[in-house]
C-alpha atoms as a PDB file:
ATOM      1  CA  MET A   1      32.772   7.673 -11.769  1.00  0.00           C
ATOM      2  CA  LYS A   2      29.663   8.437 -12.990  1.00  0.00           C
ATOM      3  CA  THR A   3      26.750   9.320 -10.496  1.00  0.00           C
ATOM      4  CA  PHE A   4      23.834   6.798 -10.299  1.00  0.00           C
ATOM      5  CA  ASP A   5      21.195   9.446 -12.079  1.00  0.00           C
ATOM      6  CA  LYS A   6      23.897   9.742 -14.900  1.00  0.00           C
ATOM      7  CA  HIS A   7      24.542   6.375 -15.326  1.00  0.00           C
ATOM      8  CA  TYR A   8      20.916   5.338 -15.575  1.00  0.00           C
ATOM      9  CA  LYS A   9      19.732   8.214 -17.802  1.00  0.00           C
ATOM     10  CA  GLU A  10      22.924   8.079 -20.307  1.00  0.00           C
ATOM     11  CA  VAL A  11      23.661   4.152 -20.263  1.00  0.00           C
ATOM     12  CA  VAL A  12      20.959   2.116 -18.636  1.00  0.00           C
ATOM     13  CA  LEU A  13      17.849   3.629 -20.000  1.00  0.00           C
ATOM     14  CA  PRO A  14      19.091   4.067 -23.979  1.00  0.00           C
ATOM     15  CA  GLN A  15      20.353   0.567 -23.703  1.00  0.00           C
ATOM     16  CA  LEU A  16      17.063  -0.929 -22.207  1.00  0.00           C
ATOM     17  CA  ALA A  17      14.762   0.898 -24.491  1.00  0.00           C
ATOM     18  CA  LYS A  18      16.541  -0.490 -27.419  1.00  0.00           C
ATOM     19  CA  GLU A  19      17.086  -4.039 -26.131  1.00  0.00           C
ATOM     20  CA  GLY A  20      13.588  -4.172 -25.122  1.00  0.00           C
ATOM     21  CA  GLY A  21      11.933  -2.587 -27.923  1.00  0.00           C
ATOM     22  CA  TYR A  22       9.978  -0.029 -25.792  1.00  0.00           C
ATOM     23  CA  SER A  23       8.053   2.828 -28.012  1.00  0.00           C
ATOM     24  CA  ASN A  24       9.142   5.480 -25.302  1.00  0.00           C
ATOM     25  CA  PHE A  25      11.329   5.826 -22.377  1.00  0.00           C
ATOM     26  CA  MET A  26       8.815   6.223 -19.999  1.00  0.00           C
ATOM     27  CA  ALA A  27       7.864   2.445 -20.492  1.00  0.00           C
ATOM     28  CA  VAL A  28      11.440   1.168 -19.693  1.00  0.00           C
ATOM     29  CA  PRO A  29      11.443  -0.336 -16.282  1.00  0.00           C
ATOM     30  CA  LYS A  30      13.154   1.707 -13.194  1.00  0.00           C
ATOM     31  CA  ILE A  31      13.130   1.539  -9.855  1.00  0.00           C
ATOM     32  CA  GLU A  32      10.143   2.554  -7.812  1.00  0.00           C
ATOM     33  CA  LYS A  33      11.029   2.589  -4.088  1.00  0.00           C
ATOM     34  CA  VAL A  34      13.212   0.741  -1.488  1.00  0.00           C
ATOM     35  CA  VAL A  35      11.957  -0.555   1.590  1.00  0.00           C
ATOM     36  CA  ILE A  36      14.118  -1.591   4.491  1.00  0.00           C
ATOM     37  CA  ASN A  37      12.601  -3.658   7.335  1.00  0.00           C
ATOM     38  CA  THR A  38      13.555  -5.930  10.070  1.00  0.00           C
ATOM     39  CA  GLY A  39      11.713  -8.238  12.420  1.00  0.00           C
ATOM     40  CA  VAL A  40      11.932  -7.822  16.394  1.00  0.00           C
ATOM     41  CA  GLY A  41       9.219 -10.561  17.301  1.00  0.00           C
ATOM     42  CA  SER A  42      11.600 -12.467  19.463  1.00  0.00           C
ATOM     43  CA  VAL A  43      13.302  -9.240  21.121  1.00  0.00           C
ATOM     44  CA  LYS A  44      12.126  -8.998  24.590  1.00  0.00           C
ATOM     45  CA  ASP A  45      14.676  -6.199  25.783  1.00  0.00           C
ATOM     46  CA  GLU A  46      13.397  -2.761  25.193  1.00  0.00           C
ATOM     47  CA  ASN A  47      16.862  -1.188  25.180  1.00  0.00           C
ATOM     48  CA  LYS A  48      17.975  -3.560  22.200  1.00  0.00           C
ATOM     49  CA  LYS A  49      14.505  -2.601  20.389  1.00  0.00           C
ATOM     50  CA  LYS A  50      15.633   1.154  20.783  1.00  0.00           C
ATOM     51  CA  SER A  51      19.131   0.214  19.342  1.00  0.00           C
ATOM     52  CA  ILE A  52      17.753  -1.340  16.305  1.00  0.00           C
ATOM     53  CA  VAL A  53      15.551   1.615  15.681  1.00  0.00           C
ATOM     54  CA  GLU A  54      18.567   3.781  16.049  1.00  0.00           C
ATOM     55  CA  SER A  55      20.475   1.519  13.912  1.00  0.00           C
ATOM     56  CA  ILE A  56      17.872   1.518  10.869  1.00  0.00           C
ATOM     57  CA  SER A  57      17.644   5.306  11.310  1.00  0.00           C
ATOM     58  CA  MET A  58      21.256   5.742  10.933  1.00  0.00           C
ATOM     59  CA  ILE A  59      21.355   3.405   7.534  1.00  0.00           C
ATOM     60  CA  ALA A  60      18.224   4.638   5.938  1.00  0.00           C
ATOM     61  CA  GLY A  61      18.387   8.324   7.223  1.00  0.00           C
ATOM     62  CA  LEU A  62      14.899   8.095   8.274  1.00  0.00           C
ATOM     63  CA  ILE A  63      13.034   7.003  11.385  1.00  0.00           C
ATOM     64  CA  PRO A  64      11.613   3.627  10.837  1.00  0.00           C
ATOM     65  CA  SER A  65       7.733   3.015  11.560  1.00  0.00           C
ATOM     66  CA  PRO A  66       6.647   0.148  13.625  1.00  0.00           C
ATOM     67  CA  ARG A  67       4.971  -2.844  12.163  1.00  0.00           C
ATOM     68  CA  LYS A  68       2.374  -4.266  14.668  1.00  0.00           C
ATOM     69  CA  ALA A  69       0.485  -7.926  14.543  1.00  0.00           C
ATOM     70  CA  LYS A  70      -2.999  -7.688  12.923  1.00  0.00           C
ATOM     71  CA  THR A  71      -4.117 -10.657  14.950  1.00  0.00           C
ATOM     72  CA  SER A  72      -3.254 -12.607  17.999  1.00  0.00           C
ATOM     73  CA  ILE A  73      -1.339 -16.116  17.892  1.00  0.00           C
ATOM     74  CA  ALA A  74      -1.550 -18.016  21.044  1.00  0.00           C
ATOM     75  CA  SER A  75       1.232 -20.656  20.125  1.00  0.00           C
ATOM     76  CA  PHE A  76       3.612 -17.914  19.325  1.00  0.00           C
ATOM     77  CA  LYS A  77       2.554 -15.764  22.223  1.00  0.00           C
ATOM     78  CA  LEU A  78       1.694 -13.049  19.711  1.00  0.00           C
ATOM     79  CA  ARG A  79      -0.920 -10.430  20.732  1.00  0.00           C
ATOM     80  CA  GLU A  80      -2.600  -8.374  18.688  1.00  0.00           C
ATOM     81  CA  GLY A  81      -1.258  -4.901  18.194  1.00  0.00           C
ATOM     82  CA  GLN A  82       2.277  -6.062  19.485  1.00  0.00           C
ATOM     83  CA  VAL A  83       5.120  -4.571  17.558  1.00  0.00           C
ATOM     84  CA  VAL A  84       6.735  -7.158  15.596  1.00  0.00           C
ATOM     85  CA  GLY A  85       9.198  -5.330  13.259  1.00  0.00           C
ATOM     86  CA  TYR A  86       9.986  -2.076  11.962  1.00  0.00           C
ATOM     87  CA  ALA A  87      10.083  -0.468   8.254  1.00  0.00           C
ATOM     88  CA  VAL A  88      11.227   2.583   6.287  1.00  0.00           C
ATOM     89  CA  THR A  89      10.349   3.367   2.665  1.00  0.00           C
ATOM     90  CA  LEU A  90      12.928   5.371   0.555  1.00  0.00           C
ATOM     91  CA  ARG A  91      11.549   7.296  -2.670  1.00  0.00           C
ATOM     92  CA  GLY A  92      13.327   9.956  -5.060  1.00  0.00           C
ATOM     93  CA  GLN A  93      16.820  10.882  -4.637  1.00  0.00           C
ATOM     94  CA  ARG A  94      17.422   9.430  -1.328  1.00  0.00           C
ATOM     95  CA  MET A  95      16.173   6.188  -2.787  1.00  0.00           C
ATOM     96  CA  ARG A  96      18.774   6.558  -5.755  1.00  0.00           C
ATOM     97  CA  ASP A  97      21.620   7.580  -3.249  1.00  0.00           C
ATOM     98  CA  PHE A  98      20.780   4.326  -1.250  1.00  0.00           C
ATOM     99  CA  VAL A  99      20.746   1.921  -4.328  1.00  0.00           C
ATOM    100  CA  SER A 100      24.129   3.515  -5.546  1.00  0.00           C
ATOM    101  CA  LYS A 101      25.570   2.580  -2.002  1.00  0.00           C
ATOM    102  CA  LEU A 102      24.089  -0.583  -1.768  1.00  0.00           C
ATOM    103  CA  ILE A 103      25.912  -1.686  -5.175  1.00  0.00           C
ATOM    104  CA  ASN A 104      29.106   0.137  -4.925  1.00  0.00           C
ATOM    105  CA  VAL A 105      29.905   0.131  -0.922  1.00  0.00           C
ATOM    106  CA  ILE A 106      27.380  -2.203   0.864  1.00  0.00           C
ATOM    107  CA  ILE A 107      27.323  -5.305  -1.119  1.00  0.00           C
ATOM    108  CA  PRO A 108      31.050  -5.514  -1.522  1.00  0.00           C
ATOM    109  CA  ARG A 109      31.617  -5.560   2.100  1.00  0.00           C
ATOM    110  CA  ILE A 110      29.704  -8.902   2.568  1.00  0.00           C
ATOM    111  CA  ARG A 111      32.019 -11.457   3.971  1.00  0.00           C
ATOM    112  CA  ASP A 112      32.624 -14.328   1.475  1.00  0.00           C
ATOM    113  CA  PHE A 113      30.288 -12.918  -1.051  1.00  0.00           C
ATOM    114  CA  ARG A 114      30.078 -14.961  -4.227  1.00  0.00           C
ATOM    115  CA  GLY A 115      27.349 -12.940  -6.132  1.00  0.00           C
ATOM    116  CA  LEU A 116      23.405 -12.461  -5.581  1.00  0.00           C
ATOM    117  CA  ASP A 117      21.122 -15.243  -6.460  1.00  0.00           C
ATOM    118  CA  LEU A 118      18.780 -14.932  -9.423  1.00  0.00           C
ATOM    119  CA  ASN A 119      15.865 -16.188  -7.037  1.00  0.00           C
ATOM    120  CA  ILE A 120      15.766 -13.100  -4.938  1.00  0.00           C
ATOM    121  CA  VAL A 121      14.135 -11.558  -7.725  1.00  0.00           C
ATOM    122  CA  ASP A 122      10.428 -12.607  -7.539  1.00  0.00           C
ATOM    123  CA  SER A 123       8.146 -13.010 -10.835  1.00  0.00           C
ATOM    124  CA  MET A 124       6.695  -9.275 -10.081  1.00  0.00           C
ATOM    125  CA  GLY A 125      10.142  -7.661 -10.834  1.00  0.00           C
ATOM    126  CA  ASN A 126      10.988  -7.054  -7.305  1.00  0.00           C
ATOM    127  CA  MET A 127      14.090  -8.025  -5.670  1.00  0.00           C
ATOM    128  CA  THR A 128      14.656  -8.646  -1.820  1.00  0.00           C
ATOM    129  CA  ILE A 129      18.137  -8.852  -0.230  1.00  0.00           C
ATOM    130  CA  GLY A 130      18.708 -10.438   3.016  1.00  0.00           C
ATOM    131  CA  PHE A 131      21.390  -9.468   5.562  1.00  0.00           C
ATOM    132  CA  ARG A 132      22.342 -11.517   8.368  1.00  0.00           C
ATOM    133  CA  ASP A 133      24.468  -8.660   9.783  1.00  0.00           C
ATOM    134  CA  HIS A 134      23.512  -4.995   9.840  1.00  0.00           C
ATOM    135  CA  THR A 135      26.962  -3.789  10.702  1.00  0.00           C
ATOM    136  CA  VAL A 136      27.935  -4.329   7.095  1.00  0.00           C
ATOM    137  CA  PHE A 137      26.655  -0.887   6.433  1.00  0.00           C
ATOM    138  CA  PRO A 138      29.071   1.672   6.908  1.00  0.00           C
ATOM    139  CA  GLU A 139      26.721   4.101   9.128  1.00  0.00           C
ATOM    140  CA  THR A 140      27.071   1.365  12.082  1.00  0.00           C
ATOM    141  CA  SER A 141      29.562   1.646  14.766  1.00  0.00           C
ATOM    142  CA  GLU A 142      32.019  -1.208  15.722  1.00  0.00           C
ATOM    143  CA  HIS A 143      30.330  -1.405  19.176  1.00  0.00           C
ATOM    144  CA  ASP A 144      26.985  -2.705  17.455  1.00  0.00           C
ATOM    145  CA  VAL A 145      28.644  -6.101  16.885  1.00  0.00           C
ATOM    146  CA  ARG A 146      27.335  -7.378  19.964  1.00  0.00           C
ATOM    147  CA  SER A 147      23.913  -6.588  19.321  1.00  0.00           C
ATOM    148  CA  ALA A 148      23.993  -7.558  15.662  1.00  0.00           C
ATOM    149  CA  PHE A 149      20.759  -8.087  13.869  1.00  0.00           C
ATOM    150  CA  GLY A 150      19.427  -9.066  10.436  1.00  0.00           C
ATOM    151  CA  LEU A 151      17.386  -7.032   8.054  1.00  0.00           C
ATOM    152  CA  ALA A 152      16.095  -7.234   4.379  1.00  0.00           C
ATOM    153  CA  VAL A 153      16.180  -4.639   1.710  1.00  0.00           C
ATOM    154  CA  THR A 154      13.347  -4.744  -0.966  1.00  0.00           C
ATOM    155  CA  VAL A 155      13.773  -2.915  -4.168  1.00  0.00           C
ATOM    156  CA  THR A 156      10.725  -2.403  -5.989  1.00  0.00           C
ATOM    157  CA  THR A 157      10.336  -1.824  -9.596  1.00  0.00           C
ATOM    158  CA  THR A 158       8.172  -1.238 -12.489  1.00  0.00           C
ATOM    159  CA  ALA A 159       8.789  -4.215 -14.266  1.00  0.00           C
ATOM    160  CA  LYS A 160       6.426  -6.448 -15.582  1.00  0.00           C
ATOM    161  CA  THR A 161       8.326  -9.676 -15.593  1.00  0.00           C
ATOM    162  CA  LYS A 162      11.221 -11.041 -13.842  1.00  0.00           C
ATOM    163  CA  LYS A 163      13.467 -10.992 -17.006  1.00  0.00           C
ATOM    164  CA  GLU A 164      12.501  -7.275 -17.371  1.00  0.00           C
ATOM    165  CA  ALA A 165      13.859  -6.719 -13.722  1.00  0.00           C
ATOM    166  CA  LEU A 166      17.114  -8.773 -14.011  1.00  0.00           C
ATOM    167  CA  ALA A 167      17.961  -6.936 -17.099  1.00  0.00           C
ATOM    168  CA  LEU A 168      17.401  -3.557 -15.230  1.00  0.00           C
ATOM    169  CA  PHE A 169      19.343  -4.849 -12.126  1.00  0.00           C
ATOM    170  CA  LEU A 170      22.174  -6.088 -14.472  1.00  0.00           C
ATOM    171  CA  LYS A 171      22.554  -2.879 -16.296  1.00  0.00           C
ATOM    172  CA  LEU A 172      22.734  -1.015 -12.918  1.00  0.00           C
ATOM    173  CA  GLY A 173      25.433  -3.260 -11.846  1.00  0.00           C
ATOM    174  CA  PHE A 174      24.037  -5.403  -9.233  1.00  0.00           C
ATOM    175  CA  PRO A 175      26.371  -8.332  -9.270  1.00  0.00           C
ATOM    176  CA  PHE A 176      24.526 -11.573  -9.708  1.00  0.00           C
ATOM    177  CA  LYS A 177      26.201 -14.975  -9.740  1.00  0.00           C
ATOM    178  CA  LYS A 178      26.461 -17.109 -12.901  1.00  0.00           C
ATOM    179  CA  ALA A 179      24.551 -14.575 -15.005  1.00  0.00           C
ATOM    180  CA  GLY A 180      25.240 -12.443 -17.690  1.00  0.00           C
ATOM    181  CA  GLU A 181      23.577  -9.669 -19.623  1.00  0.00           C
ATOM    182  CA  GLU A 182      23.188 -11.954 -22.864  1.00  0.00           C
ATOM    183  CA  ASN A 183      21.027 -14.502 -21.147  1.00  0.00           C
ATOM    184  CA  ILE A 184      18.684 -11.934 -19.798  1.00  0.00           C
ATOM    185  CA  ALA A 185      17.395 -10.642 -22.901  1.00  0.00           C
ATOM    186  CA  ILE A 186      14.030  -8.917 -22.831  1.00  0.00           C
ATOM    187  CA  SER A 187      11.440  -8.394 -25.338  1.00  0.00           C
ATOM    188  CA  THR A 188       8.028  -6.656 -25.423  1.00  0.00           C
ATOM    189  CA  ASN A 189       6.821  -8.174 -28.680  1.00  0.00           C
ATOM    190  CA  ARG A 190       4.247 -10.501 -28.011  1.00  0.00           C
ATOM    191  CA  LYS A 191       2.578 -10.414 -31.079  1.00  0.00           C
ATOM    192  CA  SER A 192       4.286 -13.779 -32.683  1.00  0.00           C
ATOM    193  CA  PRO A 193       5.396 -16.658 -30.064  1.00  0.00           C
ATOM    194  CA  VAL A 194       8.834 -17.884 -31.075  1.00  0.00           C
ATOM    195  CA  LYS A 195       8.577 -21.470 -32.668  1.00  0.00           C
ATOM    196  CA  ASN A 196      11.130 -24.372 -32.969  1.00  0.00           C
ATOM    197  CA  LYS A 197      12.323 -26.019 -35.949  1.00  0.00           C
ATOM    198  CA  PHE A 198       9.488 -28.234 -35.876  1.00  0.00           C
ATOM    199  CA  GLY A 199       6.815 -25.167 -35.970  1.00  0.00           C
ATOM    200  CA  ARG A 200       5.949 -25.933 -32.396  1.00  0.00           C
ATOM    201  CA  LYS A 201       5.585 -23.022 -29.698  1.00  0.00           C
ATOM    202  CA  LYS A 202       8.578 -22.857 -27.096  1.00  0.00           C
END
């Protein structure tokens, strides 16, 4: 099986460049960073918070940084400066290794998985995958089931549109439901809008 880097350079990059009509490979969409985050606003037990930080560290390979509330909200019993979550950002080789593991190991472990929804990719070309149970990640141990928590993985790309990002994710191997590469054609040629048989712009 090809490594993630080799697959991107030898397969994904040339195909996207050809299909998208990019003038050079530097303009082809690519993954810029991956952010793993979880909320702990409702967690009162300090030991559980410590366990969450340890689990995120094992999953990401880096110690997550705390995210604090910027303002106080009395109705939610939230104080300014209170830790409401933890996040860690992956870049470079660590990011590429994580994405490869996400596609080939983590997502297939999801129970009753039927494919990723197209709506998880936003108009800016970024994708956020929510996990209800962190134990789907192989780094976590079986005893963590009793203190399971949810987390989100956001994959940020350099794509300028949702279609460009979807084309990239499909080529990389992300399993979207009810979608094929033939339905996610991309085009960077915006000089002449497509017209229907009546001569109207679509």
